[in-house]
Amino acid sequence: MNPSSGEAAGREAYELMRRHFRAASAKTKRRRYKTAALVANRIWCRWHVGIHRWQQKHARWCLEHVLQGCTDNTRYHHFSVIRDLVLIT
């Protein structure tokens, strides 16, 4: 199950999070869904794999290189979304 584009990978991650993640507020849901789509898109653009084929190297690459200039808070939010996506799949 490999998406054909980065946008398709993002939609797949968005839908997976939407089905499995229950948050307290709508704002939190939107942020996590958007982050899931962004992470999936970035990983697909670099490695051409969908979320069902992610490995540790994909998540580590995203956290180390894509989020290099981001704040610790942003890095934590991305980490928690990646963790949730890995646990769901």
Protein backbone atom coordinates (compact mmCIF):
# COMPACT_ATOMS: atom_id res chain seq x y z
CA MET A 1 0.00 0.00 0.00
CA ASN A 2 2.21 2.76 -1.32
CA PRO A 3 0.68 6.15 -2.17
CA SER A 4 1.37 7.60 -5.60
CA SER A 5 2.28 11.10 -4.40
CA GLY A 6 3.12 13.16 -1.36
CA GLU A 7 -0.39 14.56 -1.30
CA ALA A 8 -1.86 11.05 -1.32
CA ALA A 9 0.44 10.08 1.55
CA GLY A 10 -0.71 13.15 3.46
CA ARG A 11 -4.37 12.33 2.89
CA GLU A 12 -3.77 8.74 4.01
CA ALA A 13 -2.14 9.89 7.25
CA TYR A 14 -4.87 12.50 7.78
CA GLU A 15 -7.63 9.90 7.39
CA LEU A 16 -5.84 7.40 9.62
CA MET A 17 -5.48 9.98 12.40
CA ARG A 18 -9.07 11.15 11.92
CA ARG A 19 -10.37 7.60 12.42
CA HIS A 20 -8.24 6.73 15.44
CA PHE A 21 -7.40 9.91 17.31
CA ARG A 22 -9.85 11.45 19.75
CA ALA A 23 -8.80 14.81 21.18
CA ALA A 24 -10.33 17.09 23.74
CA SER A 25 -10.72 20.09 21.46
CA ALA A 26 -11.28 20.80 17.79
CA LYS A 27 -8.15 22.94 17.68
CA THR A 28 -5.99 20.04 18.89
CA LYS A 29 -7.56 17.71 16.34
CA ARG A 30 -6.90 20.11 13.47
CA ARG A 31 -3.29 20.63 14.53
CA ARG A 32 -2.59 16.90 14.86
CA TYR A 33 -4.30 16.02 11.57
CA LYS A 34 -2.38 18.75 9.75
CA THR A 35 0.89 17.64 11.33
CA ALA A 36 0.25 14.02 10.35
CA ALA A 37 -0.36 15.02 6.74
CA LEU A 38 2.76 17.22 6.70
CA VAL A 39 5.01 14.50 8.15
CA ALA A 40 3.66 11.85 5.76
CA ASN A 41 4.14 14.19 2.80
CA ARG A 42 7.74 15.01 3.78
CA ILE A 43 8.66 11.36 4.31
CA TRP A 44 7.06 10.36 1.03
CA CYS A 45 8.91 13.10 -0.87
CA ARG A 46 12.25 11.88 0.50
CA TRP A 47 11.77 8.10 0.72
CA HIS A 48 8.69 7.34 -1.45
CA VAL A 49 7.05 5.18 1.21
CA GLY A 50 3.60 5.38 2.76
CA ILE A 51 2.87 5.30 6.47
CA HIS A 52 2.34 1.54 6.48
CA ARG A 53 5.95 1.00 5.37
CA TRP A 54 7.69 3.50 7.65
CA GLN A 55 10.81 2.39 9.44
CA GLN A 56 12.73 3.91 12.30
CA LYS A 57 15.07 5.68 9.87
CA HIS A 58 12.15 7.57 8.29
CA ALA A 59 10.87 8.94 11.60
CA ARG A 60 14.39 9.78 12.79
CA TRP A 61 15.18 11.57 9.53
CA CYS A 62 12.03 13.66 9.82
CA LEU A 63 12.72 14.63 13.42
CA GLU A 64 16.40 15.41 12.82
CA HIS A 65 16.43 17.07 9.40
CA VAL A 66 12.97 18.43 8.63
CA LEU A 67 12.52 19.94 12.09
CA GLN A 68 16.11 21.11 12.49
CA GLY A 69 15.32 24.80 12.97
CA CYS A 70 12.06 24.36 14.88
CA THR A 71 11.42 24.97 18.55
CA ASP A 72 11.36 22.17 21.09
CA ASN A 73 7.60 22.52 21.38
CA THR A 74 7.11 21.98 17.64
CA ARG A 75 9.51 19.04 17.66
CA TYR A 76 7.54 17.48 20.53
CA HIS A 77 4.22 17.85 18.68
CA HIS A 78 5.68 16.22 15.57
CA PHE A 79 7.22 13.44 17.68
CA SER A 80 3.90 12.69 19.36
CA VAL A 81 2.09 12.57 16.00
CA ILE A 82 4.73 10.24 14.53
CA ARG A 83 4.48 8.03 17.62
CA ASP A 84 0.70 7.87 17.29
CA LEU A 85 0.87 7.05 13.57
CA VAL A 86 3.37 4.26 14.19
CA LEU A 87 1.22 2.82 16.99
CA ILE A 88 -1.93 2.95 14.86
CA THR A 89 -0.38 1.18 11.87
